[in-house]
Amino acid sequence: MDPNATLNEMRRLACTDDEIRELTPREAYRLAELVAALDAWMVSGGFPPTDWDPRRIREQARNSR
């Protein structure tokens, strides 16, 4: 599994131009599949998506000051 690709697809499904959008039933099902897959990946010891890495988040916060 590629957690970065999974997160990117989740974001693509859920948002358009930084706004949450209404999903079709098929899109909602796919988003639920992706959430379940990412959860299973991380619970079994997989690494989080890069954007969720606490070190990266702290570094971005420091750089934005």
N, C-alpha and C. Protein backbone atom coordinates (compact mmCIF):
# COMPACT_ATOMS: atom_id res chain seq x y z
N MET A 1 0.84 -1.18 0.00
CA MET A 1 0.00 0.00 0.00
C MET A 1 0.88 1.24 0.00
N ASP A 2 0.43 2.23 -0.69
CA ASP A 2 1.11 3.53 -0.69
C ASP A 2 0.21 4.51 0.07
N PRO A 3 0.53 4.80 1.33
CA PRO A 3 -0.33 5.67 2.12
C PRO A 3 -0.43 7.09 1.55
N ASN A 4 0.61 7.54 0.86
CA ASN A 4 0.55 8.88 0.26
C ASN A 4 -0.46 8.92 -0.88
N ALA A 5 -0.46 7.90 -1.73
CA ALA A 5 -1.42 7.83 -2.83
C ALA A 5 -2.84 7.68 -2.28
N THR A 6 -2.98 6.90 -1.21
CA THR A 6 -4.30 6.72 -0.60
C THR A 6 -4.82 8.04 -0.07
N LEU A 7 -3.98 8.78 0.65
CA LEU A 7 -4.40 10.07 1.18
C LEU A 7 -4.74 11.04 0.05
N ASN A 8 -3.94 11.04 -1.00
CA ASN A 8 -4.22 11.93 -2.14
C ASN A 8 -5.57 11.62 -2.76
N GLU A 9 -5.89 10.34 -2.91
CA GLU A 9 -7.20 9.97 -3.47
C GLU A 9 -8.32 10.35 -2.52
N MET A 10 -8.10 10.16 -1.22
CA MET A 10 -9.11 10.56 -0.24
C MET A 10 -9.39 12.06 -0.34
N ARG A 11 -8.35 12.84 -0.44
CA ARG A 11 -8.51 14.29 -0.56
C ARG A 11 -9.21 14.67 -1.85
N ARG A 12 -8.85 14.00 -2.93
CA ARG A 12 -9.47 14.30 -4.23
C ARG A 12 -10.96 14.02 -4.19
N LEU A 13 -11.33 12.92 -3.56
CA LEU A 13 -12.74 12.58 -3.46
C LEU A 13 -13.51 13.56 -2.58
N ALA A 14 -12.92 13.95 -1.48
CA ALA A 14 -13.65 14.73 -0.47
C ALA A 14 -13.69 16.23 -0.74
N CYS A 15 -12.73 16.76 -1.47
CA CYS A 15 -12.63 18.22 -1.60
C CYS A 15 -12.43 18.66 -3.04
N THR A 16 -12.97 19.81 -3.33
CA THR A 16 -12.73 20.50 -4.58
C THR A 16 -12.43 21.95 -4.24
N ASP A 17 -11.29 22.43 -4.67
CA ASP A 17 -10.90 23.82 -4.37
C ASP A 17 -10.99 24.12 -2.88
N ASP A 18 -10.47 23.21 -2.05
CA ASP A 18 -10.43 23.37 -0.60
C ASP A 18 -11.80 23.45 0.06
N GLU A 19 -12.85 23.00 -0.63
CA GLU A 19 -14.18 22.95 -0.04
C GLU A 19 -14.68 21.52 -0.08
N ILE A 20 -15.35 21.12 0.98
CA ILE A 20 -15.93 19.78 1.02
C ILE A 20 -17.08 19.74 0.02
N ARG A 21 -17.17 18.63 -0.71
CA ARG A 21 -18.23 18.54 -1.70
C ARG A 21 -19.10 17.32 -1.43
N GLU A 22 -20.28 17.33 -2.01
CA GLU A 22 -21.19 16.20 -1.86
C GLU A 22 -20.72 15.06 -2.75
N LEU A 23 -20.70 13.87 -2.19
CA LEU A 23 -20.23 12.70 -2.92
C LEU A 23 -21.38 11.89 -3.49
N THR A 24 -21.13 11.26 -4.61
CA THR A 24 -22.08 10.28 -5.13
C THR A 24 -21.98 9.05 -4.23
N PRO A 25 -22.97 8.17 -4.27
CA PRO A 25 -22.86 6.94 -3.48
C PRO A 25 -21.59 6.14 -3.82
N ARG A 26 -21.24 6.07 -5.07
CA ARG A 26 -20.04 5.33 -5.48
C ARG A 26 -18.78 5.98 -4.89
N GLU A 27 -18.71 7.31 -4.93
CA GLU A 27 -17.55 8.02 -4.37
C GLU A 27 -17.49 7.85 -2.85
N ALA A 28 -18.64 7.89 -2.20
CA ALA A 28 -18.68 7.72 -0.74
C ALA A 28 -18.20 6.32 -0.36
N TYR A 29 -18.60 5.32 -1.13
CA TYR A 29 -18.15 3.95 -0.87
C TYR A 29 -16.63 3.85 -1.06
N ARG A 30 -16.12 4.45 -2.13
CA ARG A 30 -14.67 4.41 -2.38
C ARG A 30 -13.92 5.11 -1.26
N LEU A 31 -14.42 6.25 -0.81
CA LEU A 31 -13.76 6.96 0.29
C LEU A 31 -13.74 6.10 1.56
N ALA A 32 -14.85 5.42 1.84
CA ALA A 32 -14.90 4.53 3.00
C ALA A 32 -13.88 3.40 2.85
N GLU A 33 -13.74 2.85 1.65
CA GLU A 33 -12.73 1.81 1.40
C GLU A 33 -11.33 2.32 1.69
N LEU A 34 -11.05 3.52 1.23
CA LEU A 34 -9.72 4.10 1.42
C LEU A 34 -9.42 4.36 2.89
N VAL A 35 -10.41 4.88 3.62
CA VAL A 35 -10.23 5.12 5.06
C VAL A 35 -9.95 3.80 5.77
N ALA A 36 -10.72 2.77 5.46
CA ALA A 36 -10.53 1.47 6.10
C ALA A 36 -9.16 0.89 5.76
N ALA A 37 -8.74 1.04 4.51
CA ALA A 37 -7.44 0.50 4.10
C ALA A 37 -6.30 1.23 4.79
N LEU A 38 -6.38 2.54 4.87
CA LEU A 38 -5.32 3.31 5.54
C LEU A 38 -5.28 2.99 7.03
N ASP A 39 -6.45 2.85 7.65
CA ASP A 39 -6.50 2.49 9.06
C ASP A 39 -5.86 1.12 9.28
N ALA A 40 -6.22 0.14 8.46
CA ALA A 40 -5.66 -1.21 8.59
C ALA A 40 -4.15 -1.19 8.40
N TRP A 41 -3.69 -0.41 7.44
CA TRP A 41 -2.26 -0.27 7.17
C TRP A 41 -1.51 0.25 8.39
N MET A 42 -2.04 1.33 8.97
CA MET A 42 -1.35 1.95 10.10
C MET A 42 -1.45 1.11 11.37
N VAL A 43 -2.58 0.48 11.60
CA VAL A 43 -2.75 -0.38 12.78
C VAL A 43 -1.80 -1.56 12.73
N SER A 44 -1.51 -2.03 11.52
CA SER A 44 -0.61 -3.18 11.38
C SER A 44 0.87 -2.78 11.35
N GLY A 45 1.15 -1.51 11.65
CA GLY A 45 2.54 -1.07 11.74
C GLY A 45 3.05 -0.29 10.56
N GLY A 46 2.18 -0.02 9.60
CA GLY A 46 2.59 0.77 8.44
C GLY A 46 2.83 2.22 8.81
N PHE A 47 3.62 2.89 8.01
CA PHE A 47 3.93 4.29 8.27
C PHE A 47 2.80 5.19 7.77
N PRO A 48 2.63 6.35 8.39
CA PRO A 48 1.57 7.27 7.98
C PRO A 48 1.94 7.98 6.68
N PRO A 49 0.96 8.60 6.03
CA PRO A 49 1.27 9.43 4.88
C PRO A 49 2.26 10.53 5.29
N THR A 50 3.08 10.95 4.37
CA THR A 50 4.09 11.97 4.66
C THR A 50 3.46 13.23 5.25
N ASP A 51 2.30 13.62 4.74
CA ASP A 51 1.65 14.84 5.25
C ASP A 51 1.20 14.70 6.70
N TRP A 52 1.11 13.49 7.21
CA TRP A 52 0.70 13.26 8.59
C TRP A 52 1.88 13.01 9.51
N ASP A 53 3.08 13.07 9.01
CA ASP A 53 4.27 12.82 9.82
C ASP A 53 4.45 13.97 10.81
N PRO A 54 4.43 13.69 12.12
CA PRO A 54 4.53 14.76 13.11
C PRO A 54 5.78 15.63 12.94
N ARG A 55 6.89 15.04 12.54
CA ARG A 55 8.11 15.84 12.36
C ARG A 55 7.92 16.85 11.23
N ARG A 56 7.29 16.42 10.16
CA ARG A 56 7.05 17.32 9.02
C ARG A 56 6.08 18.44 9.42
N ILE A 57 5.06 18.08 10.20
CA ILE A 57 4.07 19.07 10.63
C ILE A 57 4.74 20.12 11.52
N ARG A 58 5.60 19.67 12.45
CA ARG A 58 6.30 20.62 13.32
C ARG A 58 7.22 21.52 12.50
N GLU A 59 7.91 20.95 11.53
CA GLU A 59 8.82 21.75 10.70
C GLU A 59 8.05 22.78 9.89
N GLN A 60 6.91 22.41 9.34
CA GLN A 60 6.09 23.37 8.61
C GLN A 60 5.60 24.50 9.52
N ALA A 61 5.23 24.15 10.75
CA ALA A 61 4.77 25.15 11.70
C ALA A 61 5.90 26.14 12.02
N ARG A 62 7.11 25.61 12.22
CA ARG A 62 8.26 26.49 12.50
C ARG A 62 8.54 27.40 11.32
N ASN A 63 8.45 26.88 10.11
CA ASN A 63 8.76 27.67 8.92
C ASN A 63 7.70 28.71 8.60
N SER A 64 6.49 28.53 9.11
CA SER A 64 5.43 29.48 8.81
C SER A 64 5.40 30.66 9.79
N ARG A 65 6.24 30.62 10.78
CA ARG A 65 6.26 31.72 11.77
C ARG A 65 6.98 32.92 11.26
